[in-house]
Amino acid sequence: MKKLIYILMMLPMTAIAASEPSPMSKIKRVITYADYGGGDVQVVLETNGTTCKDGYFFNKADPNFDGMLSMLLSAYHAKTRIILDGHTDQKWAGSSGYYCKLYSIRYGF
């Protein structure tokens, strides 16, 4: 029983450890791909995270794709500083660099 409680307590910590926030930074570039990955979007900040050192990605199949793309384009054009949270355990297959799967976008601090 004690082992089960310990395992259940550790599950949320595992999820937290797999996500990394970027430093607050401006967007350097946004690239969309028509075919690769079914419509992948690559985002690079002026300063990316430590593990997500090359940037972030998400694709058309992701929930809230339109909302995330809209927020990124708004922040890019307004030159707003943002924080991106990336899943460090989900590396983009579209590059030899380390691009993390985008989890969330934060701005308005």
PDB file of N, CA and C in Angstrom:
ATOM      1  N   MET A   1       0.817  -1.194   0.000  1.00  0.00           N
ATOM      2  CA  MET A   1       0.000   0.000   0.000  1.00  0.00           C
ATOM      3  C   MET A   1       0.866   1.267   0.000  1.00  0.00           C
ATOM      4  N   LYS A   2       1.950   1.229   0.785  1.00  0.00           N
ATOM      5  CA  LYS A   2       2.842   2.389   0.845  1.00  0.00           C
ATOM      6  C   LYS A   2       3.491   2.651  -0.516  1.00  0.00           C
ATOM      7  N   LYS A   3       3.837   1.567  -1.218  1.00  0.00           N
ATOM      8  CA  LYS A   3       4.431   1.726  -2.548  1.00  0.00           C
ATOM      9  C   LYS A   3       3.450   2.375  -3.514  1.00  0.00           C
ATOM     10  N   LEU A   4       2.199   1.972  -3.443  1.00  0.00           N
ATOM     11  CA  LEU A   4       1.181   2.536  -4.320  1.00  0.00           C
ATOM     12  C   LEU A   4       1.003   4.028  -4.063  1.00  0.00           C
ATOM     13  N   ILE A   5       0.960   4.416  -2.807  1.00  0.00           N
ATOM     14  CA  ILE A   5       0.824   5.838  -2.457  1.00  0.00           C
ATOM     15  C   ILE A   5       2.037   6.617  -2.963  1.00  0.00           C
ATOM     16  N   TYR A   6       3.224   6.064  -2.777  1.00  0.00           N
ATOM     17  CA  TYR A   6       4.442   6.718  -3.246  1.00  0.00           C
ATOM     18  C   TYR A   6       4.415   6.908  -4.767  1.00  0.00           C
ATOM     19  N   ILE A   7       4.031   5.866  -5.478  1.00  0.00           N
ATOM     20  CA  ILE A   7       3.966   5.944  -6.944  1.00  0.00           C
ATOM     21  C   ILE A   7       2.956   6.998  -7.383  1.00  0.00           C
ATOM     22  N   LEU A   8       1.804   7.021  -6.762  1.00  0.00           N
ATOM     23  CA  LEU A   8       0.784   8.009  -7.117  1.00  0.00           C
ATOM     24  C   LEU A   8       1.248   9.432  -6.827  1.00  0.00           C
ATOM     25  N   MET A   9       2.010   9.617  -5.766  1.00  0.00           N
ATOM     26  CA  MET A   9       2.525  10.952  -5.437  1.00  0.00           C
ATOM     27  C   MET A   9       3.586  11.396  -6.427  1.00  0.00           C
ATOM     28  N   MET A  10       4.336  10.462  -6.996  1.00  0.00           N
ATOM     29  CA  MET A  10       5.419  10.796  -7.910  1.00  0.00           C
ATOM     30  C   MET A  10       4.939  11.084  -9.328  1.00  0.00           C
ATOM     31  N   LEU A  11       3.757  10.632  -9.705  1.00  0.00           N
ATOM     32  CA  LEU A  11       3.259  10.846 -11.067  1.00  0.00           C
ATOM     33  C   LEU A  11       3.192  12.316 -11.456  1.00  0.00           C
ATOM     34  N   PRO A  12       2.610  13.210 -10.637  1.00  0.00           N
ATOM     35  CA  PRO A  12       2.589  14.625 -11.030  1.00  0.00           C
ATOM     36  C   PRO A  12       3.983  15.216 -11.158  1.00  0.00           C
ATOM     37  N   MET A  13       4.928  14.772 -10.335  1.00  0.00           N
ATOM     38  CA  MET A  13       6.291  15.287 -10.411  1.00  0.00           C
ATOM     39  C   MET A  13       6.953  14.883 -11.716  1.00  0.00           C
ATOM     40  N   THR A  14       6.657  13.690 -12.202  1.00  0.00           N
ATOM     41  CA  THR A  14       7.199  13.247 -13.481  1.00  0.00           C
ATOM     42  C   THR A  14       6.695  14.139 -14.607  1.00  0.00           C
ATOM     43  N   ALA A  15       5.422  14.482 -14.580  1.00  0.00           N
ATOM     44  CA  ALA A  15       4.853  15.351 -15.614  1.00  0.00           C
ATOM     45  C   ALA A  15       5.478  16.735 -15.569  1.00  0.00           C
ATOM     46  N   ILE A  16       5.726  17.247 -14.372  1.00  0.00           N
ATOM     47  CA  ILE A  16       6.332  18.568 -14.224  1.00  0.00           C
ATOM     48  C   ILE A  16       7.766  18.552 -14.735  1.00  0.00           C
ATOM     49  N   ALA A  17       8.501  17.491 -14.427  1.00  0.00           N
ATOM     50  CA  ALA A  17       9.902  17.396 -14.823  1.00  0.00           C
ATOM     51  C   ALA A  17      10.061  17.337 -16.339  1.00  0.00           C
ATOM     52  N   ALA A  18       9.051  16.890 -17.046  1.00  0.00           N
ATOM     53  CA  ALA A  18       9.142  16.753 -18.497  1.00  0.00           C
ATOM     54  C   ALA A  18       8.821  18.047 -19.234  1.00  0.00           C
ATOM     55  N   SER A  19       8.486  19.109 -18.505  1.00  0.00           N
ATOM     56  CA  SER A  19       8.149  20.390 -19.118  1.00  0.00           C
ATOM     57  C   SER A  19       9.156  21.445 -18.678  1.00  0.00           C
ATOM     58  N   GLU A  20       9.562  22.296 -19.626  1.00  0.00           N
ATOM     59  CA  GLU A  20      10.555  23.327 -19.328  1.00  0.00           C
ATOM     60  C   GLU A  20      10.069  24.682 -19.828  1.00  0.00           C
ATOM     61  N   PRO A  21      10.039  25.698 -18.962  1.00  0.00           N
ATOM     62  CA  PRO A  21       9.690  27.038 -19.436  1.00  0.00           C
ATOM     63  C   PRO A  21      10.908  27.719 -20.065  1.00  0.00           C
ATOM     64  N   SER A  22      10.672  28.470 -21.107  1.00  0.00           N
ATOM     65  CA  SER A  22      11.745  29.267 -21.701  1.00  0.00           C
ATOM     66  C   SER A  22      11.945  30.510 -20.841  1.00  0.00           C
ATOM     67  N   PRO A  23      13.070  31.188 -21.018  1.00  0.00           N
ATOM     68  CA  PRO A  23      13.182  32.524 -20.436  1.00  0.00           C
ATOM     69  C   PRO A  23      12.181  33.450 -21.142  1.00  0.00           C
ATOM     70  N   MET A  24      11.788  34.535 -20.511  1.00  0.00           N
ATOM     71  CA  MET A  24      10.913  35.504 -21.165  1.00  0.00           C
ATOM     72  C   MET A  24      11.696  36.107 -22.334  1.00  0.00           C
ATOM     73  N   SER A  25      11.149  36.006 -23.532  1.00  0.00           N
ATOM     74  CA  SER A  25      11.887  36.389 -24.725  1.00  0.00           C
ATOM     75  C   SER A  25      10.935  36.746 -25.860  1.00  0.00           C
ATOM     76  N   LYS A  26      11.476  37.419 -26.871  1.00  0.00           N
ATOM     77  CA  LYS A  26      10.700  37.717 -28.078  1.00  0.00           C
ATOM     78  C   LYS A  26      10.872  36.587 -29.093  1.00  0.00           C
ATOM     79  N   ILE A  27       9.906  36.478 -29.987  1.00  0.00           N
ATOM     80  CA  ILE A  27       9.962  35.461 -31.037  1.00  0.00           C
ATOM     81  C   ILE A  27      10.933  35.920 -32.123  1.00  0.00           C
ATOM     82  N   LYS A  28      11.871  35.065 -32.452  1.00  0.00           N
ATOM     83  CA  LYS A  28      12.842  35.348 -33.508  1.00  0.00           C
ATOM     84  C   LYS A  28      12.269  34.970 -34.874  1.00  0.00           C
ATOM     85  N   ARG A  29      11.626  33.782 -34.944  1.00  0.00           N
ATOM     86  CA  ARG A  29      11.012  33.368 -36.211  1.00  0.00           C
ATOM     87  C   ARG A  29       9.944  32.307 -35.972  1.00  0.00           C
ATOM     88  N   VAL A  30       8.998  32.268 -36.909  1.00  0.00           N
ATOM     89  CA  VAL A  30       7.947  31.249 -36.952  1.00  0.00           C
ATOM     90  C   VAL A  30       7.964  30.680 -38.365  1.00  0.00           C
ATOM     91  N   ILE A  31       8.042  29.362 -38.470  1.00  0.00           N
ATOM     92  CA  ILE A  31       8.060  28.705 -39.776  1.00  0.00           C
ATOM     93  C   ILE A  31       6.936  27.681 -39.811  1.00  0.00           C
ATOM     94  N   THR A  32       6.149  27.697 -40.884  1.00  0.00           N
ATOM     95  CA  THR A  32       5.113  26.676 -41.056  1.00  0.00           C
ATOM     96  C   THR A  32       5.499  25.776 -42.222  1.00  0.00           C
ATOM     97  N   TYR A  33       5.158  24.510 -42.089  1.00  0.00           N
ATOM     98  CA  TYR A  33       5.447  23.522 -43.128  1.00  0.00           C
ATOM     99  C   TYR A  33       4.132  22.960 -43.644  1.00  0.00           C
ATOM    100  N   ALA A  34       3.941  23.008 -44.945  1.00  0.00           N
ATOM    101  CA  ALA A  34       2.685  22.542 -45.547  1.00  0.00           C
ATOM    102  C   ALA A  34       2.531  21.031 -45.448  1.00  0.00           C
ATOM    103  N   ASP A  35       3.597  20.297 -45.697  1.00  0.00           N
ATOM    104  CA  ASP A  35       3.498  18.842 -45.759  1.00  0.00           C
ATOM    105  C   ASP A  35       4.105  18.132 -44.559  1.00  0.00           C
ATOM    106  N   TYR A  36       5.240  18.609 -44.081  1.00  0.00           N
ATOM    107  CA  TYR A  36       5.946  17.863 -43.044  1.00  0.00           C
ATOM    108  C   TYR A  36       5.105  17.750 -41.773  1.00  0.00           C
ATOM    109  N   GLY A  37       4.934  16.539 -41.304  1.00  0.00           N
ATOM    110  CA  GLY A  37       4.204  16.308 -40.061  1.00  0.00           C
ATOM    111  C   GLY A  37       2.735  16.670 -40.127  1.00  0.00           C
ATOM    112  N   GLY A  38       2.222  16.890 -41.320  1.00  0.00           N
ATOM    113  CA  GLY A  38       0.815  17.258 -41.428  1.00  0.00           C
ATOM    114  C   GLY A  38       0.555  18.706 -41.068  1.00  0.00           C
ATOM    115  N   GLY A  39       1.538  19.560 -41.243  1.00  0.00           N
ATOM    116  CA  GLY A  39       1.371  20.987 -40.972  1.00  0.00           C
ATOM    117  C   GLY A  39       2.080  21.442 -39.714  1.00  0.00           C
ATOM    118  N   ASP A  40       3.341  21.062 -39.554  1.00  0.00           N
ATOM    119  CA  ASP A  40       4.110  21.464 -38.374  1.00  0.00           C
ATOM    120  C   ASP A  40       4.404  22.957 -38.389  1.00  0.00           C
ATOM    121  N   VAL A  41       4.502  23.528 -37.200  1.00  0.00           N
ATOM    122  CA  VAL A  41       4.896  24.921 -37.007  1.00  0.00           C
ATOM    123  C   VAL A  41       6.108  24.911 -36.085  1.00  0.00           C
ATOM    124  N   GLN A  42       7.151  25.615 -36.492  1.00  0.00           N
ATOM    125  CA  GLN A  42       8.379  25.725 -35.706  1.00  0.00           C
ATOM    126  C   GLN A  42       8.480  27.152 -35.173  1.00  0.00           C
ATOM    127  N   VAL A  43       8.817  27.278 -33.897  1.00  0.00           N
ATOM    128  CA  VAL A  43       8.941  28.587 -33.254  1.00  0.00           C
ATOM    129  C   VAL A  43      10.321  28.679 -32.617  1.00  0.00           C
ATOM    130  N   VAL A  44      11.023  29.779 -32.885  1.00  0.00           N
ATOM    131  CA  VAL A  44      12.335  30.007 -32.296  1.00  0.00           C
ATOM    132  C   VAL A  44      12.301  31.355 -31.588  1.00  0.00           C
ATOM    133  N   LEU A  45      12.739  31.366 -30.335  1.00  0.00           N
ATOM    134  CA  LEU A  45      12.800  32.602 -29.555  1.00  0.00           C
ATOM    135  C   LEU A  45      14.196  33.204 -29.644  1.00  0.00           C
ATOM    136  N   GLU A  46      14.316  34.466 -29.249  1.00  0.00           N
ATOM    137  CA  GLU A  46      15.646  35.072 -29.168  1.00  0.00           C
ATOM    138  C   GLU A  46      16.492  34.324 -28.142  1.00  0.00           C
ATOM    139  N   THR A  47      15.854  33.842 -27.064  1.00  0.00           N
ATOM    140  CA  THR A  47      16.509  33.015 -26.052  1.00  0.00           C
ATOM    141  C   THR A  47      15.605  31.832 -25.745  1.00  0.00           C
ATOM    142  N   ASN A  48      15.984  30.645 -26.202  1.00  0.00           N
ATOM    143  CA  ASN A  48      15.200  29.437 -25.956  1.00  0.00           C
ATOM    144  C   ASN A  48      15.564  28.840 -24.596  1.00  0.00           C
ATOM    145  N   GLY A  49      14.851  27.794 -24.215  1.00  0.00           N
ATOM    146  CA  GLY A  49      15.133  27.098 -22.961  1.00  0.00           C
ATOM    147  C   GLY A  49      16.447  26.331 -23.026  1.00  0.00           C
ATOM    148  N   THR A  50      16.861  25.794 -21.897  1.00  0.00           N
ATOM    149  CA  THR A  50      18.120  25.057 -21.815  1.00  0.00           C
ATOM    150  C   THR A  50      18.062  23.755 -22.603  1.00  0.00           C
ATOM    151  N   THR A  51      17.049  22.940 -22.356  1.00  0.00           N
ATOM    152  CA  THR A  51      16.905  21.681 -23.088  1.00  0.00           C
ATOM    153  C   THR A  51      16.344  21.940 -24.482  1.00  0.00           C
ATOM    154  N   CYS A  52      15.361  22.812 -24.564  1.00  0.00           N
ATOM    155  CA  CYS A  52      14.717  23.158 -25.844  1.00  0.00           C
ATOM    156  C   CYS A  52      15.556  24.234 -26.533  1.00  0.00           C
ATOM    157  N   LYS A  53      16.850  23.964 -26.656  1.00  0.00           N
ATOM    158  CA  LYS A  53      17.814  24.990 -27.059  1.00  0.00           C
ATOM    159  C   LYS A  53      17.631  25.527 -28.469  1.00  0.00           C
ATOM    160  N   ASP A  54      17.001  24.745 -29.348  1.00  0.00           N
ATOM    161  CA  ASP A  54      16.823  25.201 -30.726  1.00  0.00           C
ATOM    162  C   ASP A  54      15.448  25.787 -30.995  1.00  0.00           C
ATOM    163  N   GLY A  55      14.478  25.498 -30.118  1.00  0.00           N
ATOM    164  CA  GLY A  55      13.144  26.057 -30.292  1.00  0.00           C
ATOM    165  C   GLY A  55      12.053  25.083 -29.912  1.00  0.00           C
ATOM    166  N   TYR A  56      10.874  25.297 -30.515  1.00  0.00           N
ATOM    167  CA  TYR A  56       9.658  24.573 -30.142  1.00  0.00           C
ATOM    168  C   TYR A  56       8.883  24.251 -31.414  1.00  0.00           C
ATOM    169  N   PHE A  57       7.983  23.280 -31.319  1.00  0.00           N
ATOM    170  CA  PHE A  57       7.152  22.937 -32.469  1.00  0.00           C
ATOM    171  C   PHE A  57       5.785  22.475 -31.990  1.00  0.00           C
ATOM    172  N   PHE A  58       4.826  22.558 -32.883  1.00  0.00           N
ATOM    173  CA  PHE A  58       3.507  21.957 -32.685  1.00  0.00           C
ATOM    174  C   PHE A  58       2.924  21.716 -34.063  1.00  0.00           C
ATOM    175  N   ASN A  59       1.810  20.971 -34.142  1.00  0.00           N
ATOM    176  CA  ASN A  59       1.262  20.689 -35.467  1.00  0.00           C
ATOM    177  C   ASN A  59      -0.256  20.767 -35.499  1.00  0.00           C
ATOM    178  N   LYS A  60      -0.773  20.707 -36.699  1.00  0.00           N
ATOM    179  CA  LYS A  60      -2.199  20.899 -36.977  1.00  0.00           C
ATOM    180  C   LYS A  60      -3.089  19.940 -36.190  1.00  0.00           C
ATOM    181  N   ALA A  61      -2.581  18.770 -35.850  1.00  0.00           N
ATOM    182  CA  ALA A  61      -3.374  17.780 -35.117  1.00  0.00           C
ATOM    183  C   ALA A  61      -3.479  18.094 -33.621  1.00  0.00           C
ATOM    184  N   ASP A  62      -2.693  19.058 -33.136  1.00  0.00           N
ATOM    185  CA  ASP A  62      -2.710  19.388 -31.707  1.00  0.00           C
ATOM    186  C   ASP A  62      -3.983  20.128 -31.318  1.00  0.00           C
ATOM    187  N   PRO A  63      -4.500  19.837 -30.117  1.00  0.00           N
ATOM    188  CA  PRO A  63      -5.652  20.605 -29.631  1.00  0.00           C
ATOM    189  C   PRO A  63      -5.283  22.092 -29.565  1.00  0.00           C
ATOM    190  N   ASN A  64      -6.201  22.937 -29.888  1.00  0.00           N
ATOM    191  CA  ASN A  64      -6.020  24.392 -29.846  1.00  0.00           C
ATOM    192  C   ASN A  64      -4.923  24.893 -30.796  1.00  0.00           C
ATOM    193  N   PHE A  65      -4.710  24.199 -31.890  1.00  0.00           N
ATOM    194  CA  PHE A  65      -3.718  24.630 -32.876  1.00  0.00           C
ATOM    195  C   PHE A  65      -3.962  26.074 -33.302  1.00  0.00           C
ATOM    196  N   ASP A  66      -5.206  26.392 -33.664  1.00  0.00           N
ATOM    197  CA  ASP A  66      -5.530  27.743 -34.145  1.00  0.00           C
ATOM    198  C   ASP A  66      -5.280  28.795 -33.073  1.00  0.00           C
ATOM    199  N   GLY A  67      -5.632  28.489 -31.841  1.00  0.00           N
ATOM    200  CA  GLY A  67      -5.416  29.429 -30.742  1.00  0.00           C
ATOM    201  C   GLY A  67      -3.938  29.678 -30.487  1.00  0.00           C
ATOM    202  N   MET A  68      -3.139  28.606 -30.518  1.00  0.00           N
ATOM    203  CA  MET A  68      -1.700  28.764 -30.287  1.00  0.00           C
ATOM    204  C   MET A  68      -1.051  29.554 -31.421  1.00  0.00           C
ATOM    205  N   LEU A  69      -1.415  29.239 -32.659  1.00  0.00           N
ATOM    206  CA  LEU A  69      -0.844  29.964 -33.790  1.00  0.00           C
ATOM    207  C   LEU A  69      -1.234  31.435 -33.739  1.00  0.00           C
ATOM    208  N   SER A  70      -2.468  31.717 -33.390  1.00  0.00           N
ATOM    209  CA  SER A  70      -2.939  33.100 -33.278  1.00  0.00           C
ATOM    210  C   SER A  70      -2.167  33.866 -32.203  1.00  0.00           C
ATOM    211  N   MET A  71      -1.979  33.245 -31.046  1.00  0.00           N
ATOM    212  CA  MET A  71      -1.219  33.905 -29.974  1.00  0.00           C
ATOM    213  C   MET A  71       0.221  34.172 -30.397  1.00  0.00           C
ATOM    214  N   LEU A  72       0.839  33.199 -31.063  1.00  0.00           N
ATOM    215  CA  LEU A  72       2.223  33.376 -31.508  1.00  0.00           C
ATOM    216  C   LEU A  72       2.351  34.492 -32.534  1.00  0.00           C
ATOM    217  N   LEU A  73       1.447  34.530 -33.508  1.00  0.00           N
ATOM    218  CA  LEU A  73       1.503  35.589 -34.521  1.00  0.00           C
ATOM    219  C   LEU A  73       1.257  36.963 -33.904  1.00  0.00           C
ATOM    220  N   SER A  74       0.337  37.048 -32.969  1.00  0.00           N
ATOM    221  CA  SER A  74       0.077  38.321 -32.278  1.00  0.00           C
ATOM    222  C   SER A  74       1.311  38.780 -31.519  1.00  0.00           C
ATOM    223  N   ALA A  75       1.921  37.867 -30.781  1.00  0.00           N
ATOM    224  CA  ALA A  75       3.115  38.207 -30.005  1.00  0.00           C
ATOM    225  C   ALA A  75       4.277  38.583 -30.919  1.00  0.00           C
ATOM    226  N   TYR A  76       4.404  37.894 -32.046  1.00  0.00           N
ATOM    227  CA  TYR A  76       5.480  38.179 -32.992  1.00  0.00           C
ATOM    228  C   TYR A  76       5.340  39.586 -33.573  1.00  0.00           C
ATOM    229  N   HIS A  77       4.150  39.917 -34.052  1.00  0.00           N
ATOM    230  CA  HIS A  77       3.941  41.228 -34.682  1.00  0.00           C
ATOM    231  C   HIS A  77       3.994  42.374 -33.680  1.00  0.00           C
ATOM    232  N   ALA A  78       3.583  42.123 -32.454  1.00  0.00           N
ATOM    233  CA  ALA A  78       3.620  43.164 -31.418  1.00  0.00           C
ATOM    234  C   ALA A  78       4.976  43.213 -30.712  1.00  0.00           C
ATOM    235  N   LYS A  79       5.868  42.286 -31.072  1.00  0.00           N
ATOM    236  CA  LYS A  79       7.182  42.188 -30.432  1.00  0.00           C
ATOM    237  C   LYS A  79       7.047  42.044 -28.911  1.00  0.00           C
ATOM    238  N   THR A  80       6.069  41.239 -28.511  1.00  0.00           N
ATOM    239  CA  THR A  80       5.785  40.991 -27.100  1.00  0.00           C
ATOM    240  C   THR A  80       6.696  39.887 -26.576  1.00  0.00           C
ATOM    241  N   ARG A  81       7.206  40.087 -25.369  1.00  0.00           N
ATOM    242  CA  ARG A  81       8.002  39.037 -24.735  1.00  0.00           C
ATOM    243  C   ARG A  81       7.063  37.966 -24.184  1.00  0.00           C
ATOM    244  N   ILE A  82       7.415  36.716 -24.429  1.00  0.00           N
ATOM    245  CA  ILE A  82       6.565  35.591 -24.037  1.00  0.00           C
ATOM    246  C   ILE A  82       7.399  34.531 -23.315  1.00  0.00           C
ATOM    247  N   ILE A  83       6.703  33.581 -22.731  1.00  0.00           N
ATOM    248  CA  ILE A  83       7.322  32.373 -22.181  1.00  0.00           C
ATOM    249  C   ILE A  83       6.644  31.190 -22.852  1.00  0.00           C
ATOM    250  N   LEU A  84       7.443  30.290 -23.388  1.00  0.00           N
ATOM    251  CA  LEU A  84       6.919  29.060 -23.970  1.00  0.00           C
ATOM    252  C   LEU A  84       7.286  27.897 -23.055  1.00  0.00           C
ATOM    253  N   ASP A  85       6.341  27.018 -22.834  1.00  0.00           N
ATOM    254  CA  ASP A  85       6.606  25.792 -22.085  1.00  0.00           C
ATOM    255  C   ASP A  85       6.672  24.653 -23.083  1.00  0.00           C
ATOM    256  N   GLY A  86       7.758  23.884 -23.029  1.00  0.00           N
ATOM    257  CA  GLY A  86       7.931  22.777 -23.960  1.00  0.00           C
ATOM    258  C   GLY A  86       8.097  21.452 -23.255  1.00  0.00           C
ATOM    259  N   HIS A  87       7.555  20.402 -23.856  1.00  0.00           N
ATOM    260  CA  HIS A  87       7.752  19.041 -23.352  1.00  0.00           C
ATOM    261  C   HIS A  87       9.145  18.586 -23.779  1.00  0.00           C
ATOM    262  N   THR A  88      10.047  18.477 -22.823  1.00  0.00           N
ATOM    263  CA  THR A  88      11.433  18.122 -23.139  1.00  0.00           C
ATOM    264  C   THR A  88      11.585  16.678 -23.602  1.00  0.00           C
ATOM    265  N   ASP A  89      10.604  15.843 -23.306  1.00  0.00           N
ATOM    266  CA  ASP A  89      10.679  14.437 -23.696  1.00  0.00           C
ATOM    267  C   ASP A  89      10.049  14.174 -25.066  1.00  0.00           C
ATOM    268  N   GLN A  90       9.614  15.244 -25.758  1.00  0.00           N
ATOM    269  CA  GLN A  90       9.012  15.097 -27.087  1.00  0.00           C
ATOM    270  C   GLN A  90       9.781  15.956 -28.085  1.00  0.00           C
ATOM    271  N   LYS A  91      10.868  15.395 -28.609  1.00  0.00           N
ATOM    272  CA  LYS A  91      11.737  16.094 -29.556  1.00  0.00           C
ATOM    273  C   LYS A  91      11.137  16.021 -30.959  1.00  0.00           C
ATOM    274  N   TRP A  92      11.275  17.121 -31.716  1.00  0.00           N
ATOM    275  CA  TRP A  92      10.766  17.195 -33.081  1.00  0.00           C
ATOM    276  C   TRP A  92      11.607  16.322 -34.003  1.00  0.00           C
ATOM    277  N   ALA A  93      10.965  15.475 -34.779  1.00  0.00           N
ATOM    278  CA  ALA A  93      11.656  14.592 -35.724  1.00  0.00           C
ATOM    279  C   ALA A  93      12.098  15.335 -36.982  1.00  0.00           C
ATOM    280  N   GLY A  94      11.639  16.568 -37.165  1.00  0.00           N
ATOM    281  CA  GLY A  94      11.921  17.323 -38.377  1.00  0.00           C
ATOM    282  C   GLY A  94      13.270  18.012 -38.403  1.00  0.00           C
ATOM    283  N   SER A  95      14.107  17.788 -37.381  1.00  0.00           N
ATOM    284  CA  SER A  95      15.396  18.463 -37.325  1.00  0.00           C
ATOM    285  C   SER A  95      16.369  17.650 -36.478  1.00  0.00           C
ATOM    286  N   SER A  96      17.647  17.832 -36.739  1.00  0.00           N
ATOM    287  CA  SER A  96      18.659  17.209 -35.881  1.00  0.00           C
ATOM    288  C   SER A  96      18.862  18.040 -34.617  1.00  0.00           C
ATOM    289  N   GLY A  97      18.358  19.293 -34.614  1.00  0.00           N
ATOM    290  CA  GLY A  97      18.417  20.136 -33.426  1.00  0.00           C
ATOM    291  C   GLY A  97      17.401  19.685 -32.389  1.00  0.00           C
ATOM    292  N   TYR A  98      17.422  20.321 -31.215  1.00  0.00           N
ATOM    293  CA  TYR A  98      16.491  19.930 -30.148  1.00  0.00           C
ATOM    294  C   TYR A  98      15.352  20.941 -30.051  1.00  0.00           C
ATOM    295  N   TYR A  99      14.248  20.605 -30.710  1.00  0.00           N
ATOM    296  CA  TYR A  99      13.017  21.387 -30.667  1.00  0.00           C
ATOM    297  C   TYR A  99      12.016  20.610 -29.820  1.00  0.00           C
ATOM    298  N   CYS A 100      11.486  21.240 -28.777  1.00  0.00           N
ATOM    299  CA  CYS A 100      10.537  20.584 -27.873  1.00  0.00           C
ATOM    300  C   CYS A 100       9.099  20.814 -28.328  1.00  0.00           C
ATOM    301  N   LYS A 101       8.252  19.852 -28.030  1.00  0.00           N
ATOM    302  CA  LYS A 101       6.811  19.958 -28.317  1.00  0.00           C
ATOM    303  C   LYS A 101       6.230  21.086 -27.460  1.00  0.00           C
ATOM    304  N   LEU A 102       5.582  22.054 -28.098  1.00  0.00           N
ATOM    305  CA  LEU A 102       5.016  23.203 -27.394  1.00  0.00           C
ATOM    306  C   LEU A 102       3.821  22.781 -26.552  1.00  0.00           C
ATOM    307  N   TYR A 103       3.844  23.185 -25.285  1.00  0.00           N
ATOM    308  CA  TYR A 103       2.766  22.857 -24.350  1.00  0.00           C
ATOM    309  C   TYR A 103       1.891  24.071 -24.058  1.00  0.00           C
ATOM    310  N   SER A 104       2.529  25.228 -23.823  1.00  0.00           N
ATOM    311  CA  SER A 104       1.741  26.427 -23.524  1.00  0.00           C
ATOM    312  C   SER A 104       2.503  27.686 -23.914  1.00  0.00           C
ATOM    313  N   ILE A 105       1.743  28.765 -24.075  1.00  0.00           N
ATOM    314  CA  ILE A 105       2.265  30.086 -24.429  1.00  0.00           C
ATOM    315  C   ILE A 105       1.767  31.055 -23.371  1.00  0.00           C
ATOM    316  N   ARG A 106       2.684  31.857 -22.821  1.00  0.00           N
ATOM    317  CA  ARG A 106       2.289  32.822 -21.790  1.00  0.00           C
ATOM    318  C   ARG A 106       2.792  34.219 -22.150  1.00  0.00           C
ATOM    319  N   TYR A 107       1.901  35.191 -22.056  1.00  0.00           N
ATOM    320  CA  TYR A 107       2.309  36.594 -22.094  1.00  0.00           C
ATOM    321  C   TYR A 107       1.270  37.444 -21.402  1.00  0.00           C
ATOM    322  N   GLY A 108       1.567  38.732 -21.256  1.00  0.00           N
ATOM    323  CA  GLY A 108       0.679  39.637 -20.529  1.00  0.00           C
ATOM    324  C   GLY A 108       1.097  39.779 -19.076  1.00  0.00           C
ATOM    325  N   PHE A 109       2.408  39.813 -18.833  1.00  0.00           N
ATOM    326  CA  PHE A 109       2.934  39.890 -17.469  1.00  0.00           C
ATOM    327  C   PHE A 109       2.952  41.309 -16.968  1.00  0.00           C
TER     328      PHE A 109
END
